[in-house]
C-alpha atoms as a PDB file:
ATOM      1  CA  MET A   1       4.798 -11.157  -1.600  1.00  0.00           C
ATOM      2  CA  THR A   2       4.143 -12.333   1.934  1.00  0.00           C
ATOM      3  CA  GLN A   3       0.663 -12.132   3.506  1.00  0.00           C
ATOM      4  CA  GLN A   4       0.770 -11.616   7.270  1.00  0.00           C
ATOM      5  CA  THR A   5      -1.782 -13.530   9.279  1.00  0.00           C
ATOM      6  CA  GLY A   6      -3.300 -13.101  12.715  1.00  0.00           C
ATOM      7  CA  ARG A   7      -6.450 -11.170  11.769  1.00  0.00           C
ATOM      8  CA  GLU A   8      -7.689 -10.679  15.296  1.00  0.00           C
ATOM      9  CA  ASP A   9     -10.733  -8.453  15.549  1.00  0.00           C
ATOM     10  CA  LEU A  10      -9.491  -4.895  15.116  1.00  0.00           C
ATOM     11  CA  ALA A  11     -12.902  -3.207  15.413  1.00  0.00           C
ATOM     12  CA  GLY A  12     -13.473  -0.888  18.359  1.00  0.00           C
ATOM     13  CA  ARG A  13      -9.775  -0.584  19.194  1.00  0.00           C
ATOM     14  CA  VAL A  14      -7.238   2.223  18.879  1.00  0.00           C
ATOM     15  CA  ILE A  15      -4.386   0.901  16.750  1.00  0.00           C
ATOM     16  CA  LYS A  16      -1.326   2.412  15.092  1.00  0.00           C
ATOM     17  CA  LEU A  17      -1.564   1.226  11.466  1.00  0.00           C
ATOM     18  CA  ALA A  18       2.196   1.085  10.965  1.00  0.00           C
ATOM     19  CA  ASP A  19       2.442  -1.492  13.768  1.00  0.00           C
ATOM     20  CA  LEU A  20       0.114  -3.931  11.978  1.00  0.00           C
ATOM     21  CA  VAL A  21       2.592  -4.840   9.241  1.00  0.00           C
ATOM     22  CA  ALA A  22       6.314  -5.577   9.627  1.00  0.00           C
ATOM     23  CA  TYR A  23       9.263  -5.185   7.284  1.00  0.00           C
ATOM     24  CA  GLN A  24      10.873  -8.370   5.996  1.00  0.00           C
ATOM     25  CA  ALA A  25      14.309  -8.371   4.355  1.00  0.00           C
ATOM     26  CA  GLY A  26      14.051  -8.538   0.555  1.00  0.00           C
ATOM     27  CA  ALA A  27      10.264  -8.805   0.571  1.00  0.00           C
ATOM     28  CA  VAL A  28       6.916  -7.104   0.189  1.00  0.00           C
ATOM     29  CA  VAL A  29       4.532  -7.915   3.036  1.00  0.00           C
ATOM     30  CA  SER A  30       0.778  -7.260   2.945  1.00  0.00           C
ATOM     31  CA  ARG A  31      -2.070  -7.464   5.416  1.00  0.00           C
ATOM     32  CA  THR A  32      -5.733  -6.970   4.565  1.00  0.00           C
ATOM     33  CA  ILE A  33      -7.570  -4.945   7.195  1.00  0.00           C
ATOM     34  CA  ILE A  34     -10.975  -4.580   5.485  1.00  0.00           C
ATOM     35  CA  ASP A  35     -12.262  -6.633   2.551  1.00  0.00           C
ATOM     36  CA  LYS A  36     -15.794  -5.717   1.494  1.00  0.00           C
ATOM     37  CA  LYS A  37     -17.733  -5.765  -1.761  1.00  0.00           C
ATOM     38  CA  VAL A  38     -17.423  -1.948  -2.017  1.00  0.00           C
ATOM     39  CA  GLY A  39     -13.703  -1.745  -1.248  1.00  0.00           C
ATOM     40  CA  THR A  40     -10.609  -2.878   0.585  1.00  0.00           C
ATOM     41  CA  VAL A  41      -8.022  -1.491   2.976  1.00  0.00           C
ATOM     42  CA  THR A  42      -4.653  -3.220   2.803  1.00  0.00           C
ATOM     43  CA  LEU A  43      -1.368  -2.449   4.554  1.00  0.00           C
ATOM     44  CA  PHE A  44       1.963  -3.071   2.846  1.00  0.00           C
ATOM     45  CA  ALA A  45       5.596  -3.042   3.978  1.00  0.00           C
ATOM     46  CA  PHE A  46       8.234  -2.868   1.223  1.00  0.00           C
ATOM     47  CA  ASP A  47      11.916  -3.437   1.858  1.00  0.00           C
ATOM     48  CA  ALA A  48      14.290  -1.053   0.034  1.00  0.00           C
ATOM     49  CA  GLY A  49      14.432  -1.836  -3.688  1.00  0.00           C
ATOM     50  CA  GLN A  50      11.240  -3.895  -3.643  1.00  0.00           C
ATOM     51  CA  GLY A  51       8.149  -2.923  -5.589  1.00  0.00           C
ATOM     52  CA  LEU A  52       5.128  -3.843  -7.632  1.00  0.00           C
ATOM     53  CA  SER A  53       5.507  -3.948 -11.398  1.00  0.00           C
ATOM     54  CA  GLU A  54       3.329  -1.853 -13.677  1.00  0.00           C
ATOM     55  CA  HIS A  55      -0.315  -2.915 -13.719  1.00  0.00           C
ATOM     56  CA  THR A  56      -3.801  -1.423 -13.912  1.00  0.00           C
ATOM     57  CA  ALA A  57      -6.839  -1.718 -11.668  1.00  0.00           C
ATOM     58  CA  PRO A  58     -10.475  -1.057 -12.585  1.00  0.00           C
ATOM     59  CA  TYR A  59     -10.991   1.127  -9.496  1.00  0.00           C
ATOM     60  CA  ASP A  60      -9.513   4.282  -7.981  1.00  0.00           C
ATOM     61  CA  ALA A  61      -6.987   3.585  -5.230  1.00  0.00           C
ATOM     62  CA  LEU A  62      -5.587   5.873  -2.542  1.00  0.00           C
ATOM     63  CA  VAL A  63      -2.066   5.254  -1.262  1.00  0.00           C
ATOM     64  CA  TYR A  64      -1.010   6.849   2.044  1.00  0.00           C
ATOM     65  CA  LEU A  65       2.597   6.437   3.217  1.00  0.00           C
ATOM     66  CA  LEU A  66       2.866   5.564   6.897  1.00  0.00           C
ATOM     67  CA  ASP A  67       6.660   5.398   6.865  1.00  0.00           C
ATOM     68  CA  GLY A  68       9.587   5.717   4.465  1.00  0.00           C
ATOM     69  CA  GLU A  69       9.847   6.844   0.852  1.00  0.00           C
ATOM     70  CA  ALA A  70       8.586   5.447  -2.447  1.00  0.00           C
ATOM     71  CA  GLU A  71       8.408   6.223  -6.126  1.00  0.00           C
ATOM     72  CA  ILE A  72       4.922   5.737  -7.535  1.00  0.00           C
ATOM     73  CA  THR A  73       4.664   5.936 -11.298  1.00  0.00           C
ATOM     74  CA  ILE A  74       1.262   6.677 -12.838  1.00  0.00           C
ATOM     75  CA  SER A  75       0.954   6.647 -16.645  1.00  0.00           C
ATOM     76  CA  ALA A  76       4.757   6.984 -16.992  1.00  0.00           C
ATOM     77  CA  LYS A  77       4.898   9.976 -14.565  1.00  0.00           C
ATOM     78  CA  PRO A  78       7.119   9.236 -11.527  1.00  0.00           C
ATOM     79  CA  LEU A  79       6.071  10.741  -8.192  1.00  0.00           C
ATOM     80  CA  ARG A  80       8.256  10.768  -5.068  1.00  0.00           C
ATOM     81  CA  VAL A  81       6.089  10.100  -1.995  1.00  0.00           C
ATOM     82  CA  LYS A  82       7.241  10.389   1.630  1.00  0.00           C
ATOM     83  CA  THR A  83       5.860   9.667   5.104  1.00  0.00           C
ATOM     84  CA  GLY A  84       2.525  11.419   5.640  1.00  0.00           C
ATOM     85  CA  GLU A  85       1.847  11.992   1.945  1.00  0.00           C
ATOM     86  CA  MET A  86      -0.758  10.400  -0.303  1.00  0.00           C
ATOM     87  CA  VAL A  87      -1.420   9.755  -3.977  1.00  0.00           C
ATOM     88  CA  ILE A  88      -4.615   8.765  -5.741  1.00  0.00           C
ATOM     89  CA  MET A  89      -4.035   6.241  -8.515  1.00  0.00           C
ATOM     90  CA  PRO A  90      -6.901   6.672 -11.014  1.00  0.00           C
ATOM     91  CA  ALA A  91      -8.787   3.658 -12.312  1.00  0.00           C
ATOM     92  CA  ASN A  92      -7.518   2.062 -15.522  1.00  0.00           C
ATOM     93  CA  GLN A  93      -4.228   3.999 -15.581  1.00  0.00           C
ATOM     94  CA  PRO A  94      -1.008   1.967 -15.463  1.00  0.00           C
ATOM     95  CA  HIS A  95       0.901   2.367 -12.207  1.00  0.00           C
ATOM     96  CA  ALA A  96       3.890   0.853 -10.409  1.00  0.00           C
ATOM     97  CA  LEU A  97       5.527   1.248  -6.992  1.00  0.00           C
ATOM     98  CA  ARG A  98       9.171   1.059  -5.927  1.00  0.00           C
ATOM     99  CA  ALA A  99      10.733   1.474  -2.487  1.00  0.00           C
ATOM    100  CA  LEU A 100      13.425   4.181  -2.526  1.00  0.00           C
ATOM    101  CA  LYS A 101      13.800   3.400   1.195  1.00  0.00           C
ATOM    102  CA  PRO A 102      11.864   0.812   3.192  1.00  0.00           C
ATOM    103  CA  PHE A 103       8.278   2.060   3.327  1.00  0.00           C
ATOM    104  CA  LYS A 104       4.875   1.165   4.713  1.00  0.00           C
ATOM    105  CA  MET A 105       1.636   2.205   3.073  1.00  0.00           C
ATOM    106  CA  THR A 106      -2.100   1.937   3.386  1.00  0.00           C
ATOM    107  CA  LEU A 107      -3.894   1.112   0.141  1.00  0.00           C
ATOM    108  CA  VAL A 108      -7.592   1.994   0.040  1.00  0.00           C
ATOM    109  CA  MET A 109      -9.371   0.670  -3.040  1.00  0.00           C
ATOM    110  CA  VAL A 110     -12.893   1.901  -3.709  1.00  0.00           C
ATOM    111  CA  ARG A 111     -14.985  -0.425  -5.865  1.00  0.00           C
ATOM    112  CA  ALA A 112     -18.204   1.575  -5.920  1.00  0.00           C
END
């Protein structure tokens, strides 16, 4: 996974989220937008066929697709998610993501 840099101050600006992370051939790219004790907001860009293997997290997480199409599997149940749609991944349930087409997403993790 590639972490994009250049964390200029984004506060107080109008920004298109999808423009803050770029696709890279054969890769998953991430960029943290907010990282606080109570939660994080991270952008991801997945090339087609790329994904994150099954894992669990101790907190609820909201995934919102900015572009493209993905399969998100939660507790062995596959869900097809497209641009403009969201899924909440419940805490402590195994989940995985796979790019059916290149896709960009916002991941909001709530730790409180």
